[in-house]
Protein backbone atom coordinates (compact mmCIF):
# COMPACT_ATOMS: atom_id res chain seq x y z
CA MET A 1 -155.74 66.04 41.67
CA ALA A 2 -157.31 67.39 38.53
CA PRO A 3 -161.09 67.70 38.32
CA SER A 4 -162.91 65.03 36.39
CA GLY A 5 -165.70 65.12 33.93
CA LYS A 6 -166.96 67.69 31.47
CA ASN A 7 -166.30 70.82 33.71
CA GLN A 8 -162.53 70.54 33.14
CA PRO A 9 -161.09 72.99 30.56
CA GLN A 10 -160.07 71.58 27.18
CA ARG A 11 -156.51 72.09 25.92
CA THR A 12 -154.81 71.26 22.61
CA CYS A 13 -151.58 69.32 22.22
CA VAL A 14 -149.04 71.49 20.47
CA ALA A 15 -147.52 68.42 18.74
CA CYS A 16 -150.46 66.42 17.36
CA GLY A 17 -153.28 68.89 17.80
CA ARG A 18 -155.52 66.50 19.87
CA LYS A 19 -158.01 68.24 22.13
CA ALA A 20 -158.22 66.67 25.61
CA PRO A 21 -159.18 67.69 29.19
CA GLN A 22 -156.44 69.74 30.73
CA GLY A 23 -155.66 67.15 33.31
CA GLU A 24 -154.73 64.47 30.53
CA LEU A 25 -151.93 66.78 29.01
CA LEU A 26 -148.63 67.83 30.28
CA ARG A 27 -148.09 71.61 30.69
CA LEU A 28 -144.83 73.06 29.46
CA ALA A 29 -143.58 76.46 30.60
CA VAL A 30 -140.53 78.65 30.25
CA SER A 31 -138.45 79.28 33.25
CA GLY A 32 -135.39 81.45 32.55
CA ASP A 33 -134.02 80.19 29.38
CA ARG A 34 -135.25 76.54 29.59
CA VAL A 35 -138.64 74.85 28.72
CA LEU A 36 -139.76 72.68 31.65
CA ILE A 37 -142.59 70.20 32.22
CA ASP A 38 -144.76 71.84 34.76
CA PRO A 39 -146.74 68.97 36.42
CA ARG A 40 -148.44 71.32 38.95
CA ARG A 41 -149.36 73.90 36.42
CA GLN A 42 -148.09 76.67 38.61
CA LEU A 43 -145.04 78.24 36.77
CA PRO A 44 -145.83 81.78 35.62
CA GLY A 45 -146.03 82.78 32.00
CA ARG A 46 -147.41 81.48 28.85
CA GLY A 47 -147.87 77.71 28.93
CA ALA A 48 -148.35 75.06 26.24
CA TYR A 49 -149.85 71.62 26.48
CA ILE A 50 -148.58 68.28 25.09
CA CYS A 51 -149.84 64.74 25.22
CA PRO A 52 -147.69 62.59 27.58
CA LYS A 53 -147.03 60.11 24.72
CA ARG A 54 -143.51 59.53 23.47
CA GLU A 55 -144.56 60.27 19.96
CA CYS A 56 -145.77 63.78 20.78
CA LEU A 57 -142.53 64.44 22.77
CA GLU A 58 -140.32 63.27 19.92
CA ALA A 59 -142.47 65.26 17.28
CA LEU A 60 -142.03 68.50 19.36
CA ALA A 61 -138.30 67.90 19.87
CA ARG A 62 -137.79 67.58 16.10
CA ASP A 63 -140.23 70.48 15.25
CA ARG A 64 -138.32 73.56 13.85
CA LYS A 65 -141.32 75.89 14.51
CA LYS A 66 -141.38 75.05 18.25
CA GLY A 67 -140.04 78.57 19.09
CA ARG A 68 -143.45 80.03 18.14
CA ILE A 69 -145.23 78.15 20.89
CA PHE A 70 -144.05 80.62 23.59
CA ARG A 71 -143.95 83.66 21.40
CA ARG A 72 -140.29 84.37 22.09
CA GLN A 73 -136.95 83.22 20.90
CA LEU A 74 -135.54 80.21 22.68
CA GLY A 75 -132.22 78.51 21.84
CA GLU A 76 -131.99 74.81 21.14
CA GLY A 77 -130.65 74.34 24.59
CA ALA A 78 -133.90 75.50 26.05
CA TRP A 79 -135.50 72.28 24.86
CA SER A 80 -132.87 69.92 26.26
CA GLU A 81 -135.08 68.50 29.07
CA LEU A 82 -137.84 67.81 26.66
CA VAL A 83 -135.51 66.05 24.20
CA TYR A 84 -134.20 64.00 27.03
CA LYS A 85 -137.64 62.92 28.21
CA ALA A 86 -138.45 61.82 24.60
CA ARG A 87 -135.43 59.61 24.51
CA GLU A 88 -136.30 57.83 27.77
C-alpha cells in the first residue's frame, strides 16, 4: 500500500504533465524489449509515470516522441501492452 499524505514523493505524468503523488500514477518500466506497467514499482531501470486515465494511455500510445522517455531506442512492438491497455 502506498503511503498517504504529503510525505509521498511527487511524480509527473509523461503524457499530460500533471504532477501527483507517486501512488496515484502508474509506473512504466522497460523489461527486455517491452514497456510494461509496473504496479509494484520494483522492476529495475529507469521508470516513467503516467496517469491511470484512458486519455493519458491513448495519448502516450500515439506520441511519436515516446522513445525519449526511457533514453533508449525501443521499437513500436515494445509499446504493444500499453496500446492494448488504452483500447480496453
